[in-house]
Amino acid sequence: MQIALCDDDETELNALRGQIERLRPEDTIFLYGSAVTLLDEMRDGKRFDCFFLDICMPGTDGIRLASDI
């Protein structure tokens, strides 16, 4: 499974990545520090099976990002 994590807080990103890696070591995890970066990759053809989105981010928040996805 391809999993995208998007959070502007690097500490939170790494903590969530660690938890997912322990539970699902076979999955591939991609980290994004902003909604813009994640959307740019998707526009370039990158696809994901699962998203974890921070609701409170500057600029485009996780709720708006989910709507755009």
C-alpha atoms as a PDB file:
ATOM      1  CA  MET A   1       0.000   0.000   0.000  1.00  0.00           C
ATOM      2  CA  GLN A   2       1.187   3.525  -0.793  1.00  0.00           C
ATOM      3  CA  ILE A   3       0.547   5.849   2.176  1.00  0.00           C
ATOM      4  CA  ALA A   4       0.864   9.650   2.109  1.00  0.00           C
ATOM      5  CA  LEU A   5       1.424  11.551   5.358  1.00  0.00           C
ATOM      6  CA  CYS A   6       1.019  15.317   5.255  1.00  0.00           C
ATOM      7  CA  ASP A   7       1.828  17.495   8.265  1.00  0.00           C
ATOM      8  CA  ASP A   8       3.693  20.774   8.657  1.00  0.00           C
ATOM      9  CA  ASP A   9       5.178  19.548  11.964  1.00  0.00           C
ATOM     10  CA  GLU A  10       8.175  17.318  11.220  1.00  0.00           C
ATOM     11  CA  THR A  11       8.089  15.766  14.703  1.00  0.00           C
ATOM     12  CA  GLU A  12       4.482  14.671  14.208  1.00  0.00           C
ATOM     13  CA  LEU A  13       5.254  13.363  10.715  1.00  0.00           C
ATOM     14  CA  ASN A  14       8.079  11.203  11.998  1.00  0.00           C
ATOM     15  CA  ALA A  15       6.075   9.947  14.974  1.00  0.00           C
ATOM     16  CA  LEU A  16       3.187   8.858  12.746  1.00  0.00           C
ATOM     17  CA  ARG A  17       5.575   7.292  10.244  1.00  0.00           C
ATOM     18  CA  GLY A  18       7.150   5.251  13.053  1.00  0.00           C
ATOM     19  CA  GLN A  19       3.783   3.989  14.239  1.00  0.00           C
ATOM     20  CA  ILE A  20       2.694   2.980  10.751  1.00  0.00           C
ATOM     21  CA  GLU A  21       6.035   1.297  10.016  1.00  0.00           C
ATOM     22  CA  ARG A  22       5.665  -0.837  13.146  1.00  0.00           C
ATOM     23  CA  LEU A  23       2.115  -1.869  12.232  1.00  0.00           C
ATOM     24  CA  ARG A  24       2.551  -2.217   8.473  1.00  0.00           C
ATOM     25  CA  PRO A  25       6.219  -2.732   7.589  1.00  0.00           C
ATOM     26  CA  GLU A  26       5.327  -3.902   4.084  1.00  0.00           C
ATOM     27  CA  ASP A  27       3.799  -0.538   3.104  1.00  0.00           C
ATOM     28  CA  THR A  28       5.566   2.407   1.465  1.00  0.00           C
ATOM     29  CA  ILE A  29       5.220   5.732   3.276  1.00  0.00           C
ATOM     30  CA  PHE A  30       5.697   9.142   1.675  1.00  0.00           C
ATOM     31  CA  LEU A  31       6.140  12.256   3.833  1.00  0.00           C
ATOM     32  CA  TYR A  32       4.962  15.740   2.867  1.00  0.00           C
ATOM     33  CA  GLY A  33       5.436  18.951   4.829  1.00  0.00           C
ATOM     34  CA  SER A  34       2.726  20.844   2.970  1.00  0.00           C
ATOM     35  CA  ALA A  35      -0.458  20.296   1.037  1.00  0.00           C
ATOM     36  CA  VAL A  36       1.015  22.051  -1.989  1.00  0.00           C
ATOM     37  CA  THR A  37       3.879  19.570  -2.231  1.00  0.00           C
ATOM     38  CA  LEU A  38       1.546  16.584  -1.980  1.00  0.00           C
ATOM     39  CA  LEU A  39      -0.845  17.979  -4.592  1.00  0.00           C
ATOM     40  CA  ASP A  40       2.054  18.755  -6.957  1.00  0.00           C
ATOM     41  CA  GLU A  41       3.208  15.126  -6.797  1.00  0.00           C
ATOM     42  CA  MET A  42      -0.321  13.905  -7.446  1.00  0.00           C
ATOM     43  CA  ARG A  43      -0.640  16.226 -10.446  1.00  0.00           C
ATOM     44  CA  ASP A  44       2.566  14.649 -11.742  1.00  0.00           C
ATOM     45  CA  GLY A  45       0.923  11.215 -11.555  1.00  0.00           C
ATOM     46  CA  LYS A  46       1.784   9.925  -8.076  1.00  0.00           C
ATOM     47  CA  ARG A  47      -1.064   7.865  -6.576  1.00  0.00           C
ATOM     48  CA  PHE A  48      -1.741   6.774  -3.008  1.00  0.00           C
ATOM     49  CA  ASP A  49      -3.994   4.211  -1.355  1.00  0.00           C
ATOM     50  CA  CYS A  50      -4.280   5.985   1.986  1.00  0.00           C
ATOM     51  CA  PHE A  51      -3.843   9.534   3.317  1.00  0.00           C
ATOM     52  CA  PHE A  52      -3.144  10.906   6.797  1.00  0.00           C
ATOM     53  CA  LEU A  53      -3.684  14.671   6.693  1.00  0.00           C
ATOM     54  CA  ASP A  54      -3.053  17.280   9.375  1.00  0.00           C
ATOM     55  CA  ILE A  55      -6.197  19.347   9.820  1.00  0.00           C
ATOM     56  CA  CYS A  56      -4.374  22.464  11.115  1.00  0.00           C
ATOM     57  CA  MET A  57      -1.714  23.546   8.621  1.00  0.00           C
ATOM     58  CA  PRO A  58      -0.905  27.024   7.333  1.00  0.00           C
ATOM     59  CA  GLY A  59      -2.178  27.754   3.858  1.00  0.00           C
ATOM     60  CA  THR A  60      -4.118  24.732   2.645  1.00  0.00           C
ATOM     61  CA  ASP A  61      -5.245  22.695   5.658  1.00  0.00           C
ATOM     62  CA  GLY A  62      -6.008  18.991   5.689  1.00  0.00           C
ATOM     63  CA  ILE A  63      -9.747  19.449   5.205  1.00  0.00           C
ATOM     64  CA  ARG A  64      -9.250  21.540   2.076  1.00  0.00           C
ATOM     65  CA  LEU A  65      -6.562  19.114   0.901  1.00  0.00           C
ATOM     66  CA  ALA A  66      -8.948  16.168   1.300  1.00  0.00           C
ATOM     67  CA  SER A  67     -11.504  18.056  -0.773  1.00  0.00           C
ATOM     68  CA  ASP A  68      -8.908  18.751  -3.490  1.00  0.00           C
ATOM     69  CA  ILE A  69      -7.825  15.110  -3.588  1.00  0.00           C
END
